[in-house]
PDB file of N, CA and C in Angstrom:
ATOM      1  N   MET A   1      33.858  50.449  -2.630  1.00  0.00           N
ATOM      2  CA  MET A   1      33.206  49.347  -1.825  1.00  0.00           C
ATOM      3  C   MET A   1      31.483  49.768  -2.393  1.00  0.00           C
ATOM      4  N   GLU A   2      30.685  48.845  -2.127  1.00  0.00           N
ATOM      5  CA  GLU A   2      29.539  49.065  -2.462  1.00  0.00           C
ATOM      6  C   GLU A   2      28.458  49.648  -1.822  1.00  0.00           C
ATOM      7  N   ASN A   3      27.549  50.485  -1.807  1.00  0.00           N
ATOM      8  CA  ASN A   3      26.523  50.812  -1.085  1.00  0.00           C
ATOM      9  C   ASN A   3      25.998  49.290  -0.439  1.00  0.00           C
ATOM     10  N   PRO A   4      25.613  49.791   0.880  1.00  0.00           N
ATOM     11  CA  PRO A   4      25.061  48.804   1.541  1.00  0.00           C
ATOM     12  C   PRO A   4      23.712  48.932   1.685  1.00  0.00           C
ATOM     13  N   PHE A   5      22.304  50.217   1.064  1.00  0.00           N
ATOM     14  CA  PHE A   5      21.387  50.356   0.862  1.00  0.00           C
ATOM     15  C   PHE A   5      21.372  49.473  -0.282  1.00  0.00           C
ATOM     16  N   ASN A   6      22.238  49.388  -1.380  1.00  0.00           N
ATOM     17  CA  ASN A   6      21.535  49.086  -2.625  1.00  0.00           C
ATOM     18  C   ASN A   6      22.163  47.429  -2.247  1.00  0.00           C
ATOM     19  N   LEU A   7      22.629  46.773  -2.001  1.00  0.00           N
ATOM     20  CA  LEU A   7      22.570  45.214  -1.558  1.00  0.00           C
ATOM     21  C   LEU A   7      21.404  45.031  -0.683  1.00  0.00           C
ATOM     22  N   ILE A   8      21.180  45.832   0.193  1.00  0.00           N
ATOM     23  CA  ILE A   8      19.801  45.221   0.719  1.00  0.00           C
ATOM     24  C   ILE A   8      18.639  45.555  -0.209  1.00  0.00           C
ATOM     25  N   ASP A   9      18.252  46.562  -1.071  1.00  0.00           N
ATOM     26  CA  ASP A   9      17.327  46.496  -1.816  1.00  0.00           C
ATOM     27  C   ASP A   9      17.617  45.331  -2.908  1.00  0.00           C
ATOM     28  N   GLN A  10      18.859  44.821  -3.623  1.00  0.00           N
ATOM     29  CA  GLN A  10      18.868  43.596  -3.689  1.00  0.00           C
ATOM     30  C   GLN A  10      17.946  42.773  -3.652  1.00  0.00           C
ATOM     31  N   ARG A  11      18.856  42.146  -2.282  1.00  0.00           N
ATOM     32  CA  ARG A  11      18.087  40.715  -1.988  1.00  0.00           C
ATOM     33  C   ARG A  11      16.555  41.057  -1.351  1.00  0.00           C
ATOM     34  N   LEU A  12      16.466  42.358  -0.794  1.00  0.00           N
ATOM     35  CA  LEU A  12      14.653  42.300  -0.757  1.00  0.00           C
ATOM     36  C   LEU A  12      14.057  42.203  -1.991  1.00  0.00           C
ATOM     37  N   GLU A  13      14.406  42.367  -2.951  1.00  0.00           N
ATOM     38  CA  GLU A  13      13.645  42.089  -4.252  1.00  0.00           C
ATOM     39  C   GLU A  13      13.858  40.517  -4.608  1.00  0.00           C
ATOM     40  N   ARG A  14      15.163  40.322  -4.516  1.00  0.00           N
ATOM     41  CA  ARG A  14      15.326  38.648  -4.559  1.00  0.00           C
ATOM     42  C   ARG A  14      14.431  37.845  -3.653  1.00  0.00           C
ATOM     43  N   ILE A  15      14.091  38.365  -2.221  1.00  0.00           N
ATOM     44  CA  ILE A  15      13.117  37.581  -1.227  1.00  0.00           C
ATOM     45  C   ILE A  15      11.596  37.690  -1.965  1.00  0.00           C
ATOM     46  N   GLU A  16      11.527  38.766  -2.328  1.00  0.00           N
ATOM     47  CA  GLU A  16      10.138  39.177  -2.893  1.00  0.00           C
ATOM     48  C   GLU A  16       9.617  38.465  -3.920  1.00  0.00           C
ATOM     49  N   SER A  17      10.801  38.427  -5.128  1.00  0.00           N
ATOM     50  CA  SER A  17      10.812  37.265  -6.868  1.00  0.00           C
ATOM     51  C   SER A  17      10.529  35.518  -5.968  1.00  0.00           C
ATOM     52  N   LEU A  18      11.103  35.261  -4.701  1.00  0.00           N
ATOM     53  CA  LEU A  18      11.075  33.788  -4.543  1.00  0.00           C
ATOM     54  C   LEU A  18       9.529  33.692  -3.692  1.00  0.00           C
ATOM     55  N   VAL A  19       9.261  34.715  -3.043  1.00  0.00           N
ATOM     56  CA  VAL A  19       7.698  34.382  -2.460  1.00  0.00           C
ATOM     57  C   VAL A  19       6.786  34.352  -3.549  1.00  0.00           C
ATOM     58  N   LEU A  20       6.480  35.188  -4.080  1.00  0.00           N
ATOM     59  CA  LEU A  20       5.806  35.268  -5.257  1.00  0.00           C
ATOM     60  C   LEU A  20       5.737  34.028  -6.079  1.00  0.00           C
ATOM     61  N   GLU A  21       6.891  33.507  -6.733  1.00  0.00           N
ATOM     62  CA  GLU A  21       7.214  32.191  -7.254  1.00  0.00           C
ATOM     63  C   GLU A  21       6.236  30.849  -6.024  1.00  0.00           C
ATOM     64  N   LEU A  22       7.022  31.029  -4.669  1.00  0.00           N
ATOM     65  CA  LEU A  22       5.807  29.934  -4.030  1.00  0.00           C
ATOM     66  C   LEU A  22       4.654  30.352  -3.615  1.00  0.00           C
ATOM     67  N   LYS A  23       3.998  31.497  -3.722  1.00  0.00           N
ATOM     68  CA  LYS A  23       2.742  31.390  -3.923  1.00  0.00           C
ATOM     69  C   LYS A  23       1.758  31.178  -4.895  1.00  0.00           C
ATOM     70  N   SER A  24       2.800  31.257  -6.225  1.00  0.00           N
ATOM     71  CA  SER A  24       2.076  30.780  -7.519  1.00  0.00           C
ATOM     72  C   SER A  24       1.911  29.227  -7.867  1.00  0.00           C
ATOM     73  N   LYS A  25       3.344  28.482  -7.323  1.00  0.00           N
ATOM     74  CA  LYS A  25       3.392  26.888  -6.575  1.00  0.00           C
ATOM     75  C   LYS A  25       2.481  26.704  -6.091  1.00  0.00           C
ATOM     76  N   GLY A  26       2.118  27.474  -4.732  1.00  0.00           N
ATOM     77  CA  GLY A  26       0.778  27.396  -3.565  1.00  0.00           C
ATOM     78  C   GLY A  26      -0.475  26.675  -4.203  1.00  0.00           C
ATOM     79  N   SER A  27      -0.842  28.135  -5.148  1.00  0.00           N
ATOM     80  CA  SER A  27      -2.042  28.078  -5.846  1.00  0.00           C
ATOM     81  C   SER A  27      -2.541  27.319  -6.955  1.00  0.00           C
ATOM     82  N   GLN A  28      -1.338  26.380  -7.728  1.00  0.00           N
ATOM     83  CA  GLN A  28      -1.808  25.371  -8.086  1.00  0.00           C
ATOM     84  C   GLN A  28      -2.302  24.133  -7.518  1.00  0.00           C
ATOM     85  N   SER A  29      -3.706  23.742  -8.103  1.00  0.00           N
ATOM     86  CA  SER A  29      -4.424  22.302  -7.335  1.00  0.00           C
ATOM     87  C   SER A  29      -3.653  21.281  -8.094  1.00  0.00           C
ATOM     88  N   PRO A  30      -3.418  20.056  -7.141  1.00  0.00           N
ATOM     89  CA  PRO A  30      -3.281  19.134  -7.849  1.00  0.00           C
ATOM     90  C   PRO A  30      -4.577  18.458  -9.193  1.00  0.00           C
ATOM     91  N   PRO A  31      -3.640  17.349  -9.811  1.00  0.00           N
ATOM     92  CA  PRO A  31      -4.455  17.114 -10.939  1.00  0.00           C
ATOM     93  C   PRO A  31      -5.653  16.395 -10.137  1.00  0.00           C
ATOM     94  N   SER A  32      -6.914  16.355 -10.779  1.00  0.00           N
ATOM     95  CA  SER A  32      -8.146  15.905 -10.025  1.00  0.00           C
ATOM     96  C   SER A  32      -8.106  14.338 -10.411  1.00  0.00           C
ATOM     97  N   ASN A  33      -7.309  13.773 -11.173  1.00  0.00           N
ATOM     98  CA  ASN A  33      -7.108  12.267 -11.623  1.00  0.00           C
ATOM     99  C   ASN A  33      -6.481  11.358 -10.387  1.00  0.00           C
ATOM    100  N   THR A  34      -5.876  12.328  -9.494  1.00  0.00           N
ATOM    101  CA  THR A  34      -4.827  11.067  -8.604  1.00  0.00           C
ATOM    102  C   THR A  34      -5.823  10.776  -7.543  1.00  0.00           C
ATOM    103  N   VAL A  35      -5.446   9.794  -7.070  1.00  0.00           N
ATOM    104  CA  VAL A  35      -5.958   9.232  -5.647  1.00  0.00           C
ATOM    105  C   VAL A  35      -5.106   9.819  -4.560  1.00  0.00           C
ATOM    106  N   ASP A  36      -6.393  10.199  -3.521  1.00  0.00           N
ATOM    107  CA  ASP A  36      -5.600  10.833  -2.303  1.00  0.00           C
ATOM    108  C   ASP A  36      -5.162   9.741  -1.474  1.00  0.00           C
ATOM    109  N   LEU A  37      -4.208   9.009  -1.507  1.00  0.00           N
ATOM    110  CA  LEU A  37      -4.105   7.988  -0.682  1.00  0.00           C
ATOM    111  C   LEU A  37      -2.989   8.158   0.922  1.00  0.00           C
ATOM    112  N   LEU A  38      -3.757   7.768   1.802  1.00  0.00           N
ATOM    113  CA  LEU A  38      -3.438   7.773   3.165  1.00  0.00           C
ATOM    114  C   LEU A  38      -2.567   6.942   3.917  1.00  0.00           C
ATOM    115  N   SER A  39      -1.670   6.898   4.690  1.00  0.00           N
ATOM    116  CA  SER A  39      -0.735   6.178   5.489  1.00  0.00           C
ATOM    117  C   SER A  39      -1.579   5.744   6.340  1.00  0.00           C
ATOM    118  N   ILE A  40      -1.270   4.770   7.434  1.00  0.00           N
ATOM    119  CA  ILE A  40      -2.368   4.107   8.492  1.00  0.00           C
ATOM    120  C   ILE A  40      -2.268   5.429   9.435  1.00  0.00           C
ATOM    121  N   ASP A  41      -1.194   5.915   9.562  1.00  0.00           N
ATOM    122  CA  ASP A  41      -0.826   7.250  10.489  1.00  0.00           C
ATOM    123  C   ASP A  41      -1.703   8.167  10.022  1.00  0.00           C
ATOM    124  N   GLU A  42      -2.053   8.525   8.674  1.00  0.00           N
ATOM    125  CA  GLU A  42      -2.714   9.848   8.531  1.00  0.00           C
ATOM    126  C   GLU A  42      -4.363   8.750   8.611  1.00  0.00           C
ATOM    127  N   ALA A  43      -4.322   8.005   8.031  1.00  0.00           N
ATOM    128  CA  ALA A  43      -5.868   7.224   8.420  1.00  0.00           C
ATOM    129  C   ALA A  43      -6.218   7.043   9.885  1.00  0.00           C
ATOM    130  N   VAL A  44      -5.315   7.116  11.115  1.00  0.00           N
ATOM    131  CA  VAL A  44      -6.052   7.360  12.119  1.00  0.00           C
ATOM    132  C   VAL A  44      -6.017   8.543  12.608  1.00  0.00           C
ATOM    133  N   LEU A  45      -5.697   9.629  12.065  1.00  0.00           N
ATOM    134  CA  LEU A  45      -5.818  11.049  12.181  1.00  0.00           C
ATOM    135  C   LEU A  45      -7.305  11.336  11.518  1.00  0.00           C
ATOM    136  N   LEU A  46      -7.607  11.406  10.403  1.00  0.00           N
ATOM    137  CA  LEU A  46      -8.955  10.989   9.877  1.00  0.00           C
ATOM    138  C   LEU A  46     -10.003  10.631  10.518  1.00  0.00           C
ATOM    139  N   LEU A  47      -9.954   9.526  11.016  1.00  0.00           N
ATOM    140  CA  LEU A  47     -11.101   8.927  11.352  1.00  0.00           C
ATOM    141  C   LEU A  47     -11.053   9.115  13.288  1.00  0.00           C
ATOM    142  N   ASN A  48      -9.697   9.315  13.601  1.00  0.00           N
ATOM    143  CA  ASN A  48      -9.866   9.937  14.735  1.00  0.00           C
ATOM    144  C   ASN A  48      -9.765   8.426  15.686  1.00  0.00           C
ATOM    145  N   LEU A  49      -9.134   7.368  15.662  1.00  0.00           N
ATOM    146  CA  LEU A  49      -9.175   6.091  16.101  1.00  0.00           C
ATOM    147  C   LEU A  49      -8.034   5.807  16.566  1.00  0.00           C
ATOM    148  N   ALA A  50      -8.020   4.872  17.320  1.00  0.00           N
ATOM    149  CA  ALA A  50      -6.527   4.586  17.858  1.00  0.00           C
ATOM    150  C   ALA A  50      -5.780   3.168  16.513  1.00  0.00           C
ATOM    151  N   LYS A  51      -4.555   3.435  16.767  1.00  0.00           N
ATOM    152  CA  LYS A  51      -4.083   2.565  15.501  1.00  0.00           C
ATOM    153  C   LYS A  51      -4.090   1.354  15.718  1.00  0.00           C
ATOM    154  N   PRO A  52      -4.440   0.529  17.107  1.00  0.00           N
ATOM    155  CA  PRO A  52      -5.024  -0.615  17.223  1.00  0.00           C
ATOM    156  C   PRO A  52      -6.539  -1.148  16.654  1.00  0.00           C
ATOM    157  N   THR A  53      -7.243  -0.102  16.809  1.00  0.00           N
ATOM    158  CA  THR A  53      -8.381   0.238  16.423  1.00  0.00           C
ATOM    159  C   THR A  53      -8.501   0.091  15.077  1.00  0.00           C
ATOM    160  N   VAL A  54      -7.737   0.173  13.906  1.00  0.00           N
ATOM    161  CA  VAL A  54      -7.741   0.312  12.869  1.00  0.00           C
ATOM    162  C   VAL A  54      -7.191  -0.390  12.171  1.00  0.00           C
ATOM    163  N   TYR A  55      -6.295  -1.426  12.869  1.00  0.00           N
ATOM    164  CA  TYR A  55      -5.619  -2.424  12.249  1.00  0.00           C
ATOM    165  C   TYR A  55      -6.732  -3.763  12.577  1.00  0.00           C
ATOM    166  N   ASN A  56      -7.201  -3.357  13.721  1.00  0.00           N
ATOM    167  CA  ASN A  56      -8.385  -4.834  13.829  1.00  0.00           C
ATOM    168  C   ASN A  56      -9.416  -4.227  12.728  1.00  0.00           C
ATOM    169  N   LEU A  57      -9.777  -3.291  12.185  1.00  0.00           N
ATOM    170  CA  LEU A  57     -11.132  -3.148  11.453  1.00  0.00           C
ATOM    171  C   LEU A  57     -10.547  -3.310  10.565  1.00  0.00           C
ATOM    172  N   VAL A  58      -9.110  -3.307   9.792  1.00  0.00           N
ATOM    173  CA  VAL A  58      -8.562  -3.754   8.475  1.00  0.00           C
ATOM    174  C   VAL A  58      -8.582  -5.333   8.523  1.00  0.00           C
ATOM    175  N   SER A  59      -7.979  -5.932   9.887  1.00  0.00           N
ATOM    176  CA  SER A  59      -8.434  -7.621   9.737  1.00  0.00           C
ATOM    177  C   SER A  59      -9.538  -7.940   9.865  1.00  0.00           C
ATOM    178  N   SER A  60     -10.150  -7.379  10.234  1.00  0.00           N
ATOM    179  CA  SER A  60     -12.010  -8.362   9.952  1.00  0.00           C
ATOM    180  C   SER A  60     -13.035  -7.585   8.621  1.00  0.00           C
ATOM    181  N   GLY A  61     -11.818  -6.878   7.867  1.00  0.00           N
ATOM    182  CA  GLY A  61     -12.710  -6.442   6.709  1.00  0.00           C
ATOM    183  C   GLY A  61     -13.578  -5.577   6.818  1.00  0.00           C
ATOM    184  N   LYS A  62     -13.833  -4.920   7.952  1.00  0.00           N
ATOM    185  CA  LYS A  62     -14.862  -4.080   8.162  1.00  0.00           C
ATOM    186  C   LYS A  62     -14.679  -2.480   7.312  1.00  0.00           C
ATOM    187  N   ILE A  63     -13.310  -2.058   7.006  1.00  0.00           N
ATOM    188  CA  ILE A  63     -12.956  -1.060   6.286  1.00  0.00           C
ATOM    189  C   ILE A  63     -12.581  -1.430   5.013  1.00  0.00           C
ATOM    190  N   PRO A  64     -12.267  -0.257   4.216  1.00  0.00           N
ATOM    191  CA  PRO A  64     -11.766  -0.377   2.701  1.00  0.00           C
ATOM    192  C   PRO A  64     -10.435  -0.263   3.270  1.00  0.00           C
ATOM    193  N   VAL A  65      -9.587  -1.075   2.364  1.00  0.00           N
ATOM    194  CA  VAL A  65      -8.074  -0.915   2.622  1.00  0.00           C
ATOM    195  C   VAL A  65      -7.706  -1.379   1.290  1.00  0.00           C
ATOM    196  N   MET A  66      -6.046  -1.026   0.962  1.00  0.00           N
ATOM    197  CA  MET A  66      -5.311  -1.444  -0.067  1.00  0.00           C
ATOM    198  C   MET A  66      -3.970  -1.687   0.199  1.00  0.00           C
ATOM    199  N   LYS A  67      -3.513  -2.818   0.187  1.00  0.00           N
ATOM    200  CA  LYS A  67      -2.523  -3.426   0.834  1.00  0.00           C
ATOM    201  C   LYS A  67      -1.226  -3.861  -0.360  1.00  0.00           C
ATOM    202  N   LYS A  68      -0.240  -3.386  -0.495  1.00  0.00           N
ATOM    203  CA  LYS A  68       1.341  -3.109  -1.341  1.00  0.00           C
ATOM    204  C   LYS A  68       2.171  -3.768  -0.488  1.00  0.00           C
ATOM    205  N   SER A  69       3.086  -4.889  -1.179  1.00  0.00           N
ATOM    206  CA  SER A  69       4.363  -4.773   0.024  1.00  0.00           C
ATOM    207  C   SER A  69       4.218  -4.702   1.430  1.00  0.00           C
ATOM    208  N   LYS A  70       3.387  -5.328   2.096  1.00  0.00           N
ATOM    209  CA  LYS A  70       3.090  -5.127   3.838  1.00  0.00           C
ATOM    210  C   LYS A  70       2.334  -3.798   4.395  1.00  0.00           C
ATOM    211  N   ARG A  71       2.390  -2.863   2.872  1.00  0.00           N
ATOM    212  CA  ARG A  71       2.090  -1.800   3.647  1.00  0.00           C
ATOM    213  C   ARG A  71       0.711  -1.346   3.288  1.00  0.00           C
ATOM    214  N   LEU A  72      -0.109  -0.793   4.178  1.00  0.00           N
ATOM    215  CA  LEU A  72      -1.344  -0.615   4.137  1.00  0.00           C
ATOM    216  C   LEU A  72      -1.568   0.970   3.463  1.00  0.00           C
ATOM    217  N   TYR A  73      -2.789   1.365   2.499  1.00  0.00           N
ATOM    218  CA  TYR A  73      -3.086   2.661   2.091  1.00  0.00           C
ATOM    219  C   TYR A  73      -4.283   2.520   2.196  1.00  0.00           C
ATOM    220  N   PHE A  74      -4.964   3.584   2.578  1.00  0.00           N
ATOM    221  CA  PHE A  74      -6.412   4.170   2.623  1.00  0.00           C
ATOM    222  C   PHE A  74      -6.462   5.447   1.462  1.00  0.00           C
ATOM    223  N   SER A  75      -8.074   4.954   0.835  1.00  0.00           N
ATOM    224  CA  SER A  75      -8.233   6.340  -0.003  1.00  0.00           C
ATOM    225  C   SER A  75      -9.147   6.975   0.987  1.00  0.00           C
ATOM    226  N   ARG A  76      -8.743   8.516   0.954  1.00  0.00           N
ATOM    227  CA  ARG A  76      -9.368   9.404   1.660  1.00  0.00           C
ATOM    228  C   ARG A  76     -10.928   9.393   1.544  1.00  0.00           C
ATOM    229  N   SER A  77     -11.334   9.278   0.427  1.00  0.00           N
ATOM    230  CA  SER A  77     -12.623   9.596  -0.410  1.00  0.00           C
ATOM    231  C   SER A  77     -13.335   8.427   0.227  1.00  0.00           C
ATOM    232  N   GLU A  78     -12.698   7.090   0.200  1.00  0.00           N
ATOM    233  CA  GLU A  78     -13.410   5.525   0.846  1.00  0.00           C
ATOM    234  C   GLU A  78     -13.539   5.658   2.426  1.00  0.00           C
ATOM    235  N   LEU A  79     -12.738   6.243   2.904  1.00  0.00           N
ATOM    236  CA  LEU A  79     -12.894   6.080   4.409  1.00  0.00           C
ATOM    237  C   LEU A  79     -13.753   7.117   4.368  1.00  0.00           C
ATOM    238  N   LEU A  80     -14.043   8.365   3.964  1.00  0.00           N
ATOM    239  CA  LEU A  80     -15.584   9.209   4.771  1.00  0.00           C
ATOM    240  C   LEU A  80     -16.526   8.514   4.031  1.00  0.00           C
ATOM    241  N   ASN A  81     -16.851   7.771   2.948  1.00  0.00           N
ATOM    242  CA  ASN A  81     -17.670   7.517   2.649  1.00  0.00           C
ATOM    243  C   ASN A  81     -18.272   6.118   3.676  1.00  0.00           C
ATOM    244  N   TRP A  82     -17.299   5.582   3.773  1.00  0.00           N
ATOM    245  CA  TRP A  82     -17.455   4.410   5.067  1.00  0.00           C
ATOM    246  C   TRP A  82     -18.019   5.027   6.284  1.00  0.00           C
ATOM    247  N   LEU A  83     -17.597   6.376   6.474  1.00  0.00           N
ATOM    248  CA  LEU A  83     -17.828   6.940   7.547  1.00  0.00           C
ATOM    249  C   LEU A  83     -19.487   7.394   7.670  1.00  0.00           C
ATOM    250  N   LYS A  84     -19.304   7.640   6.443  1.00  0.00           N
ATOM    251  CA  LYS A  84     -20.897   8.307   6.326  1.00  0.00           C
ATOM    252  C   LYS A  84     -21.971   6.798   6.208  1.00  0.00           C
ATOM    253  N   SER A  85     -21.225   5.781   5.697  1.00  0.00           N
ATOM    254  CA  SER A  85     -22.701   4.803   5.993  1.00  0.00           C
ATOM    255  C   SER A  85     -22.958   4.410   7.215  1.00  0.00           C
ATOM    256  N   GLY A  86     -21.944   4.609   7.975  1.00  0.00           N
ATOM    257  CA  GLY A  86     -22.513   4.886   9.790  1.00  0.00           C
ATOM    258  C   GLY A  86     -23.328   5.310  10.163  1.00  0.00           C
ATOM    259  N   ARG A  87     -23.805   6.608   9.717  1.00  0.00           N
ATOM    260  CA  ARG A  87     -24.648   7.432  10.007  1.00  0.00           C
ATOM    261  C   ARG A  87     -26.183   6.656  10.626  1.00  0.00           C
ATOM    262  N   LYS A  88     -26.183   7.401  11.316  1.00  0.00           N
ATOM    263  CA  LYS A  88     -27.983   7.123  12.290  1.00  0.00           C
ATOM    264  C   LYS A  88     -28.889   7.700  11.566  1.00  0.00           C
ATOM    265  N   LYS A  89     -30.098   7.236  11.569  1.00  0.00           N
ATOM    266  CA  LYS A  89     -30.595   8.361  11.150  1.00  0.00           C
ATOM    267  C   LYS A  89     -31.628   9.035  12.306  1.00  0.00           C
ATOM    268  N   THR A  90     -31.967  10.354  12.235  1.00  0.00           N
ATOM    269  CA  THR A  90     -32.792  11.034  13.086  1.00  0.00           C
ATOM    270  C   THR A  90     -34.434  10.710  13.305  1.00  0.00           C
ATOM    271  N   LEU A  91     -34.956  10.652  14.336  1.00  0.00           N
ATOM    272  CA  LEU A  91     -36.630  10.154  14.551  1.00  0.00           C
ATOM    273  C   LEU A  91     -36.951  10.451  13.433  1.00  0.00           C
ATOM    274  N   ASP A  92     -36.993  12.433  12.813  1.00  0.00           N
ATOM    275  CA  ASP A  92     -38.107  12.015  11.578  1.00  0.00           C
ATOM    276  C   ASP A  92     -37.825  11.520  10.834  1.00  0.00           C
ATOM    277  N   GLU A  93     -36.864  11.452  10.316  1.00  0.00           N
ATOM    278  CA  GLU A  93     -36.371  10.258   8.922  1.00  0.00           C
ATOM    279  C   GLU A  93     -36.770   9.237   9.253  1.00  0.00           C
ATOM    280  N   ILE A  94     -36.291   8.931  10.603  1.00  0.00           N
ATOM    281  CA  ILE A  94     -37.435   7.018  10.618  1.00  0.00           C
ATOM    282  C   ILE A  94     -38.888   7.206  10.614  1.00  0.00           C
ATOM    283  N   GLU A  95     -39.600   8.399  11.277  1.00  0.00           N
ATOM    284  CA  GLU A  95     -41.155   8.488  11.202  1.00  0.00           C
ATOM    285  C   GLU A  95     -41.614   8.599   9.832  1.00  0.00           C
ATOM    286  N   GLU A  96     -40.601   9.016   8.916  1.00  0.00           N
ATOM    287  CA  GLU A  96     -41.176   9.538   7.620  1.00  0.00           C
ATOM    288  C   GLU A  96     -40.486   8.073   6.633  1.00  0.00           C
ATOM    289  N   GLU A  97     -39.615   7.478   6.931  1.00  0.00           N
ATOM    290  CA  GLU A  97     -39.484   6.394   6.359  1.00  0.00           C
ATOM    291  C   GLU A  97     -41.236   5.262   6.568  1.00  0.00           C
ATOM    292  N   ALA A  98     -41.288   5.120   8.029  1.00  0.00           N
ATOM    293  CA  ALA A  98     -42.464   4.537   8.405  1.00  0.00           C
ATOM    294  C   ALA A  98     -43.353   5.014   7.821  1.00  0.00           C
ATOM    295  N   ARG A  99     -44.191   6.133   7.766  1.00  0.00           N
ATOM    296  CA  ARG A  99     -45.262   6.517   6.990  1.00  0.00           C
ATOM    297  C   ARG A  99     -45.193   6.196   5.686  1.00  0.00           C
ATOM    298  N   SER A 100     -43.802   6.429   4.965  1.00  0.00           N
ATOM    299  CA  SER A 100     -43.889   5.849   3.309  1.00  0.00           C
ATOM    300  C   SER A 100     -44.210   4.286   3.228  1.00  0.00           C
ATOM    301  N   TYR A 101     -43.733   3.535   4.323  1.00  0.00           N
ATOM    302  CA  TYR A 101     -43.451   2.015   4.067  1.00  0.00           C
ATOM    303  C   TYR A 101     -45.323   1.617   4.325  1.00  0.00           C
ATOM    304  N   VAL A 102     -45.965   2.124   5.514  1.00  0.00           N
ATOM    305  CA  VAL A 102     -47.148   2.013   5.651  1.00  0.00           C
ATOM    306  C   VAL A 102     -47.840   2.498   4.643  1.00  0.00           C
ATOM    307  N   ALA A 103     -47.960   3.616   4.030  1.00  0.00           N
ATOM    308  CA  ALA A 103     -48.290   3.799   2.744  1.00  0.00           C
ATOM    309  C   ALA A 103     -48.227   3.188   1.345  1.00  0.00           C
ATOM    310  N   ASN A 104     -47.364   2.824   0.888  1.00  0.00           N
ATOM    311  CA  ASN A 104     -46.941   1.807  -0.028  1.00  0.00           C
ATOM    312  C   ASN A 104     -47.496   0.627   0.018  1.00  0.00           C
ATOM    313  N   ARG A 105     -47.351  -0.066   1.324  1.00  0.00           N
ATOM    314  CA  ARG A 105     -47.980  -1.417   1.991  1.00  0.00           C
ATOM    315  C   ARG A 105     -49.512  -1.556   1.886  1.00  0.00           C
ATOM    316  N   HIS A 106     -50.233  -0.373   2.112  1.00  0.00           N
ATOM    317  CA  HIS A 106     -51.907  -0.321   2.218  1.00  0.00           C
ATOM    318  C   HIS A 106     -51.929   0.509   0.740  1.00  0.00           C
ATOM    319  N   SER A 107     -51.411   0.657  -0.479  1.00  0.00           N
ATOM    320  CA  SER A 107     -51.802   0.517  -1.806  1.00  0.00           C
ATOM    321  C   SER A 107     -51.420  -0.288  -2.273  1.00  0.00           C
ATOM    322  N   ALA A 108     -50.651  -1.481  -1.872  1.00  0.00           N
ATOM    323  CA  ALA A 108     -50.346  -2.526  -2.586  1.00  0.00           C
ATOM    324  C   ALA A 108     -51.072  -3.580  -1.997  1.00  0.00           C
ATOM    325  N   ARG A 109     -51.778  -3.380  -0.658  1.00  0.00           N
ATOM    326  CA  ARG A 109     -53.021  -4.363  -0.862  1.00  0.00           C
ATOM    327  C   ARG A 109     -54.356  -3.934  -1.291  1.00  0.00           C
ATOM    328  N   ALA A 110     -54.447  -2.497  -1.312  1.00  0.00           N
ATOM    329  CA  ALA A 110     -55.628  -2.303  -2.131  1.00  0.00           C
ATOM    330  C   ALA A 110     -55.974  -2.164  -3.570  1.00  0.00           C
ATOM    331  N   LYS A 111     -54.624  -3.059  -4.143  1.00  0.00           N
ATOM    332  CA  LYS A 111     -54.605  -3.261  -5.501  1.00  0.00           C
ATOM    333  C   LYS A 111     -54.815  -4.472  -5.545  1.00  0.00           C
ATOM    334  N   LYS A 112     -55.129  -5.356  -4.684  1.00  0.00           N
ATOM    335  CA  LYS A 112     -55.357  -6.492  -4.897  1.00  0.00           C
ATOM    336  C   LYS A 112     -56.828  -7.312  -4.980  1.00  0.00           C
TER     337      LYS A 112
END
């Protein structure tokens, strides 16, 4: 009969090698040239919107989307850029733009 401690030791070594193998696979990053495509459900989670709202945005052409075989796909980077495009400016940014506009307009008139 085999020593039970040897059996336990063998199993622990096997578990350890499997864990190390999984760790090494998990640390590998996906290729950078792949597009991160999202399903409608993933897009809903990313945007924190209701599913009907996302479908409304798609049908009105207000959100970037790809359609293939009755399925909708969204690019994570395009959705994030779309979100950023709706960013409202701070009062300081608006005031700085106004100062810049007035200064440019004043210098253009002075040249005439």
